[in-house]
Amino acid sequence: MASRLLNLIRVYRLRMDRIEILRSAGINDRNNVDKLLLLLREDMKLVSDQRQEWQSQWQKWLQEGGTLGNGRNYNAHHMQLQEIENLLKQHQAGMEARRADIQLRIAALNRDLMRYQEKIRFVEEQQAELQNQDAKIIRRHDSDQNEETSLRKWLSEQLTPAEMGF
């Protein structure tokens, strides 16, 4: 029984090791996604800065009585910025969804780790209980042997060899 419990503990620990490897990989993936999201936010800031620059140039152009040709250039630039901004937002939404999925997987792996830790704790308690029972049986056996030895000694002191049947 004790060897089965030890084997069960080994199996649970191996499963925990595998889960920990998956968890670490998930954390690395999440960290990589976080880095990509940071880069996306920086790119979005650049586009926002570019848009503000475009707005100020547009306002200046309007105040100076801008010509139609320049208006088309500014409009084309505005459309390009809008397109880039939309692409960045789409990419960001995809990365945030991926991060959320990774986070859910990490949470599930954390729950699995906790479950196996509880199983190991339970099996270790069972093993300790069995060891205590074994120790009690051995002590009882030793005590019985000591009593038997004491009884023989006492009997040998009390009885003569003829009475003992020799």
C-alpha atoms as a PDB file:
ATOM      1  CA  MET A   1       0.000   0.000   0.000  1.00  0.00           C
ATOM      2  CA  ALA A   2       2.784   2.415   0.912  1.00  0.00           C
ATOM      3  CA  SER A   3       4.579   1.806  -2.390  1.00  0.00           C
ATOM      4  CA  ARG A   4       1.329   2.509  -4.264  1.00  0.00           C
ATOM      5  CA  LEU A   5       0.992   5.775  -2.411  1.00  0.00           C
ATOM      6  CA  LEU A   6       4.591   6.712  -3.226  1.00  0.00           C
ATOM      7  CA  ASN A   7       3.982   5.880  -6.893  1.00  0.00           C
ATOM      8  CA  LEU A   8       0.832   7.980  -6.858  1.00  0.00           C
ATOM      9  CA  ILE A   9       2.757  10.903  -5.385  1.00  0.00           C
ATOM     10  CA  ARG A  10       5.414  10.507  -8.106  1.00  0.00           C
ATOM     11  CA  VAL A  11       2.733  10.488 -10.817  1.00  0.00           C
ATOM     12  CA  TYR A  12       1.112  13.608  -9.373  1.00  0.00           C
ATOM     13  CA  ARG A  13       4.465  15.382  -9.170  1.00  0.00           C
ATOM     14  CA  LEU A  14       5.246  14.483 -12.786  1.00  0.00           C
ATOM     15  CA  ARG A  15       1.875  15.872 -13.827  1.00  0.00           C
ATOM     16  CA  MET A  16       2.595  19.024 -11.841  1.00  0.00           C
ATOM     17  CA  ASP A  17       5.960  19.354 -13.603  1.00  0.00           C
ATOM     18  CA  ARG A  18       4.257  19.082 -16.998  1.00  0.00           C
ATOM     19  CA  ILE A  19       1.644  21.623 -15.983  1.00  0.00           C
ATOM     20  CA  GLU A  20       4.361  23.967 -14.712  1.00  0.00           C
ATOM     21  CA  ILE A  21       6.151  23.716 -18.077  1.00  0.00           C
ATOM     22  CA  LEU A  22       2.914  24.587 -19.887  1.00  0.00           C
ATOM     23  CA  ARG A  23       2.255  27.388 -17.402  1.00  0.00           C
ATOM     24  CA  SER A  24       5.743  28.833 -17.939  1.00  0.00           C
ATOM     25  CA  ALA A  25       5.262  28.674 -21.704  1.00  0.00           C
ATOM     26  CA  GLY A  26       1.924  30.445 -21.289  1.00  0.00           C
ATOM     27  CA  ILE A  27       3.502  33.142 -19.152  1.00  0.00           C
ATOM     28  CA  ASN A  28       6.221  33.609 -21.787  1.00  0.00           C
ATOM     29  CA  ASP A  29       3.547  33.871 -24.493  1.00  0.00           C
ATOM     30  CA  ARG A  30       1.630  36.399 -22.410  1.00  0.00           C
ATOM     31  CA  ASN A  31       4.796  38.438 -21.844  1.00  0.00           C
ATOM     32  CA  ASN A  32       5.514  38.409 -25.578  1.00  0.00           C
ATOM     33  CA  VAL A  33       1.963  39.560 -26.310  1.00  0.00           C
ATOM     34  CA  ASP A  34       2.374  42.306 -23.700  1.00  0.00           C
ATOM     35  CA  LYS A  35       5.543  43.463 -25.492  1.00  0.00           C
ATOM     36  CA  LEU A  36       3.717  43.473 -28.825  1.00  0.00           C
ATOM     37  CA  LEU A  37       0.820  45.407 -27.306  1.00  0.00           C
ATOM     38  CA  LEU A  38       3.269  47.959 -25.957  1.00  0.00           C
ATOM     39  CA  LEU A  39       4.785  48.340 -29.425  1.00  0.00           C
ATOM     40  CA  LEU A  40       1.303  48.713 -30.909  1.00  0.00           C
ATOM     41  CA  ARG A  41       0.458  51.431 -28.402  1.00  0.00           C
ATOM     42  CA  GLU A  42       3.685  53.225 -29.293  1.00  0.00           C
ATOM     43  CA  ASP A  43       2.789  52.967 -32.992  1.00  0.00           C
ATOM     44  CA  MET A  44      -0.692  54.281 -32.245  1.00  0.00           C
ATOM     45  CA  LYS A  45       0.854  57.202 -30.389  1.00  0.00           C
ATOM     46  CA  LEU A  46       3.007  57.956 -33.447  1.00  0.00           C
ATOM     47  CA  VAL A  47      -0.085  57.873 -35.660  1.00  0.00           C
ATOM     48  CA  SER A  48      -1.930  60.097 -33.185  1.00  0.00           C
ATOM     49  CA  ASP A  49       0.974  62.550 -33.162  1.00  0.00           C
ATOM     50  CA  GLN A  50       1.009  62.446 -36.955  1.00  0.00           C
ATOM     51  CA  ARG A  51      -2.747  63.093 -37.008  1.00  0.00           C
ATOM     52  CA  GLN A  52      -2.321  66.111 -34.695  1.00  0.00           C
ATOM     53  CA  GLU A  53       0.432  67.398 -36.946  1.00  0.00           C
ATOM     54  CA  TRP A  54      -1.842  66.847 -39.935  1.00  0.00           C
ATOM     55  CA  GLN A  55      -4.695  68.704 -38.197  1.00  0.00           C
ATOM     56  CA  SER A  56      -2.498  71.679 -37.394  1.00  0.00           C
ATOM     57  CA  GLN A  57      -1.185  71.771 -40.985  1.00  0.00           C
ATOM     58  CA  TRP A  58      -4.737  71.457 -42.304  1.00  0.00           C
ATOM     59  CA  GLN A  59      -5.897  74.354 -40.147  1.00  0.00           C
ATOM     60  CA  LYS A  60      -2.912  76.429 -41.246  1.00  0.00           C
ATOM     61  CA  TRP A  61      -3.617  75.559 -44.887  1.00  0.00           C
ATOM     62  CA  LEU A  62      -7.267  76.596 -44.489  1.00  0.00           C
ATOM     63  CA  GLN A  63      -6.295  79.889 -42.847  1.00  0.00           C
ATOM     64  CA  GLU A  64      -3.904  80.680 -45.656  1.00  0.00           C
ATOM     65  CA  GLY A  65      -6.621  80.067 -48.266  1.00  0.00           C
ATOM     66  CA  GLY A  66      -5.282  76.687 -49.364  1.00  0.00           C
ATOM     67  CA  THR A  67      -5.463  75.547 -52.919  1.00  0.00           C
ATOM     68  CA  LEU A  68      -7.363  72.537 -54.150  1.00  0.00           C
ATOM     69  CA  GLY A  69      -4.214  70.573 -55.045  1.00  0.00           C
ATOM     70  CA  ASN A  70      -2.842  70.773 -51.524  1.00  0.00           C
ATOM     71  CA  GLY A  71      -6.257  69.855 -50.144  1.00  0.00           C
ATOM     72  CA  ARG A  72      -6.164  66.608 -52.086  1.00  0.00           C
ATOM     73  CA  ASN A  73      -2.719  65.816 -50.697  1.00  0.00           C
ATOM     74  CA  TYR A  74      -3.863  66.503 -47.163  1.00  0.00           C
ATOM     75  CA  ASN A  75      -7.006  64.439 -47.715  1.00  0.00           C
ATOM     76  CA  ALA A  76      -4.948  61.514 -49.074  1.00  0.00           C
ATOM     77  CA  HIS A  77      -2.623  61.791 -46.077  1.00  0.00           C
ATOM     78  CA  HIS A  78      -5.630  61.810 -43.749  1.00  0.00           C
ATOM     79  CA  MET A  79      -7.006  58.668 -45.408  1.00  0.00           C
ATOM     80  CA  GLN A  80      -3.641  56.909 -45.077  1.00  0.00           C
ATOM     81  CA  LEU A  81      -3.453  57.787 -41.398  1.00  0.00           C
ATOM     82  CA  GLN A  82      -7.004  56.543 -40.892  1.00  0.00           C
ATOM     83  CA  GLU A  83      -6.186  53.264 -42.642  1.00  0.00           C
ATOM     84  CA  ILE A  84      -3.030  52.749 -40.564  1.00  0.00           C
ATOM     85  CA  GLU A  85      -4.924  53.595 -37.396  1.00  0.00           C
ATOM     86  CA  ASN A  86      -7.685  51.086 -38.249  1.00  0.00           C
ATOM     87  CA  LEU A  87      -5.133  48.350 -38.963  1.00  0.00           C
ATOM     88  CA  LEU A  88      -3.356  49.031 -35.687  1.00  0.00           C
ATOM     89  CA  LYS A  89      -6.657  48.929 -33.780  1.00  0.00           C
ATOM     90  CA  GLN A  90      -7.603  45.624 -35.424  1.00  0.00           C
ATOM     91  CA  HIS A  91      -4.213  44.173 -34.611  1.00  0.00           C
ATOM     92  CA  GLN A  92      -4.460  45.448 -31.064  1.00  0.00           C
ATOM     93  CA  ALA A  93      -7.917  43.900 -30.614  1.00  0.00           C
ATOM     94  CA  GLY A  94      -6.578  40.570 -31.901  1.00  0.00           C
ATOM     95  CA  MET A  95      -3.584  40.700 -29.575  1.00  0.00           C
ATOM     96  CA  GLU A  96      -5.758  41.616 -26.586  1.00  0.00           C
ATOM     97  CA  ALA A  97      -8.061  38.677 -27.364  1.00  0.00           C
ATOM     98  CA  ARG A  98      -5.021  36.410 -27.619  1.00  0.00           C
ATOM     99  CA  ARG A  99      -3.721  37.733 -24.301  1.00  0.00           C
ATOM    100  CA  ALA A 100      -7.098  37.091 -22.652  1.00  0.00           C
ATOM    101  CA  ASP A 101      -7.084  33.527 -24.034  1.00  0.00           C
ATOM    102  CA  ILE A 102      -3.555  32.958 -22.745  1.00  0.00           C
ATOM    103  CA  GLN A 103      -4.535  34.365 -19.357  1.00  0.00           C
ATOM    104  CA  LEU A 104      -7.499  31.956 -19.190  1.00  0.00           C
ATOM    105  CA  ARG A 105      -5.198  29.029 -19.994  1.00  0.00           C
ATOM    106  CA  ILE A 106      -2.728  30.135 -17.316  1.00  0.00           C
ATOM    107  CA  ALA A 107      -5.559  30.408 -14.782  1.00  0.00           C
ATOM    108  CA  ALA A 108      -6.748  26.888 -15.685  1.00  0.00           C
ATOM    109  CA  LEU A 109      -3.197  25.559 -15.306  1.00  0.00           C
ATOM    110  CA  ASN A 110      -2.907  27.297 -11.934  1.00  0.00           C
ATOM    111  CA  ARG A 111      -6.129  25.574 -10.843  1.00  0.00           C
ATOM    112  CA  ASP A 112      -4.741  22.235 -12.041  1.00  0.00           C
ATOM    113  CA  LEU A 113      -1.526  22.827 -10.090  1.00  0.00           C
ATOM    114  CA  MET A 114      -3.489  23.595  -6.943  1.00  0.00           C
ATOM    115  CA  ARG A 115      -5.631  20.487  -7.459  1.00  0.00           C
ATOM    116  CA  TYR A 116      -2.555  18.262  -7.741  1.00  0.00           C
ATOM    117  CA  GLN A 117      -0.962  19.934  -4.730  1.00  0.00           C
ATOM    118  CA  GLU A 118      -4.093  19.086  -2.748  1.00  0.00           C
ATOM    119  CA  LYS A 119      -4.005  15.509  -4.034  1.00  0.00           C
ATOM    120  CA  ILE A 120      -0.352  15.147  -3.046  1.00  0.00           C
ATOM    121  CA  ARG A 121      -1.066  16.610   0.378  1.00  0.00           C
ATOM    122  CA  PHE A 122      -3.948  14.121   0.848  1.00  0.00           C
ATOM    123  CA  VAL A 123      -1.866  11.122  -0.277  1.00  0.00           C
ATOM    124  CA  GLU A 124       1.049  12.211   1.928  1.00  0.00           C
ATOM    125  CA  GLU A 125      -1.341  12.411   4.886  1.00  0.00           C
ATOM    126  CA  GLN A 126      -2.605   8.910   4.068  1.00  0.00           C
ATOM    127  CA  GLN A 127       0.964   7.667   3.853  1.00  0.00           C
ATOM    128  CA  ALA A 128       1.853   9.273   7.191  1.00  0.00           C
ATOM    129  CA  GLU A 129      -1.230   7.701   8.761  1.00  0.00           C
ATOM    130  CA  LEU A 130      -0.213   4.268   7.436  1.00  0.00           C
ATOM    131  CA  GLN A 131       3.306   4.749   8.780  1.00  0.00           C
ATOM    132  CA  ASN A 132       1.882   5.676  12.173  1.00  0.00           C
ATOM    133  CA  GLN A 133      -0.304   2.571  12.126  1.00  0.00           C
ATOM    134  CA  ASP A 134       2.700   0.434  11.154  1.00  0.00           C
ATOM    135  CA  ALA A 135       4.748   1.974  13.943  1.00  0.00           C
ATOM    136  CA  LYS A 136       1.961   1.231  16.449  1.00  0.00           C
ATOM    137  CA  ILE A 137       1.780  -2.390  15.286  1.00  0.00           C
ATOM    138  CA  ILE A 138       5.554  -2.754  15.586  1.00  0.00           C
ATOM    139  CA  ARG A 139       5.533  -1.203  19.066  1.00  0.00           C
ATOM    140  CA  ARG A 140       2.674  -3.467  20.098  1.00  0.00           C
ATOM    141  CA  HIS A 141       4.531  -6.482  18.708  1.00  0.00           C
ATOM    142  CA  ASP A 142       7.730  -5.446  20.489  1.00  0.00           C
ATOM    143  CA  SER A 143       5.754  -4.872  23.662  1.00  0.00           C
ATOM    144  CA  ASP A 144       4.129  -8.308  23.331  1.00  0.00           C
ATOM    145  CA  GLN A 145       7.527  -9.917  22.808  1.00  0.00           C
ATOM    146  CA  ASN A 146       8.925  -8.098  25.824  1.00  0.00           C
ATOM    147  CA  GLU A 147       5.978  -9.242  27.927  1.00  0.00           C
ATOM    148  CA  GLU A 148       6.413 -12.826  26.691  1.00  0.00           C
ATOM    149  CA  THR A 149      10.123 -12.718  27.434  1.00  0.00           C
ATOM    150  CA  SER A 150       9.434 -11.262  30.876  1.00  0.00           C
ATOM    151  CA  LEU A 151       6.789 -13.909  31.503  1.00  0.00           C
ATOM    152  CA  ARG A 152       9.172 -16.734  30.504  1.00  0.00           C
ATOM    153  CA  LYS A 153      11.864 -15.310  32.696  1.00  0.00           C
ATOM    154  CA  TRP A 154       9.493 -14.979  35.610  1.00  0.00           C
ATOM    155  CA  LEU A 155       8.147 -18.499  35.042  1.00  0.00           C
ATOM    156  CA  SER A 156      11.656 -19.890  34.856  1.00  0.00           C
ATOM    157  CA  GLU A 157      12.465 -18.254  38.129  1.00  0.00           C
ATOM    158  CA  GLN A 158       9.280 -19.581  39.744  1.00  0.00           C
ATOM    159  CA  LEU A 159       9.246 -23.128  38.493  1.00  0.00           C
ATOM    160  CA  THR A 160      11.820 -25.798  39.151  1.00  0.00           C
ATOM    161  CA  PRO A 161      13.208 -27.774  36.219  1.00  0.00           C
ATOM    162  CA  ALA A 162      11.016 -30.768  37.208  1.00  0.00           C
ATOM    163  CA  GLU A 163       7.924 -28.590  37.192  1.00  0.00           C
ATOM    164  CA  MET A 164       8.818 -27.228  33.752  1.00  0.00           C
ATOM    165  CA  GLY A 165       8.752 -30.750  32.377  1.00  0.00           C
ATOM    166  CA  PHE A 166      12.472 -31.271  31.853  1.00  0.00           C
END
